[in-house]
Amino acid sequence: MRVVACPQCGAETPWEGNSYRPFCSERCRLIDLGAWLDEKYAIPAPLDDESADDEAGTAMDAARGGRNGRHDG
């Protein structure tokens, strides 16, 4: 049986038959999910300055409801 280390706590846990894999328990799985939701982890994406500014502006505009800051509808 293949045994792996839990990425959260390091405990050895079986890979097969483990519904929480790669974690050892639901607790470790939820701790990891919480870290992602709290933005403690990030996937780097290399962007040049100009496209990063444009994408950030577009995302902010969309969150505000459009370029003029109003929700149309």
Foldseek 3Di string as FASTA:
>chain_A
DDWDAAPQPGDIADPPPQPQPPHRDPVSSVVVVVCVVVVVDDDDDDDDPVVVVVVVLVVVQVVLCHDVSDNDD
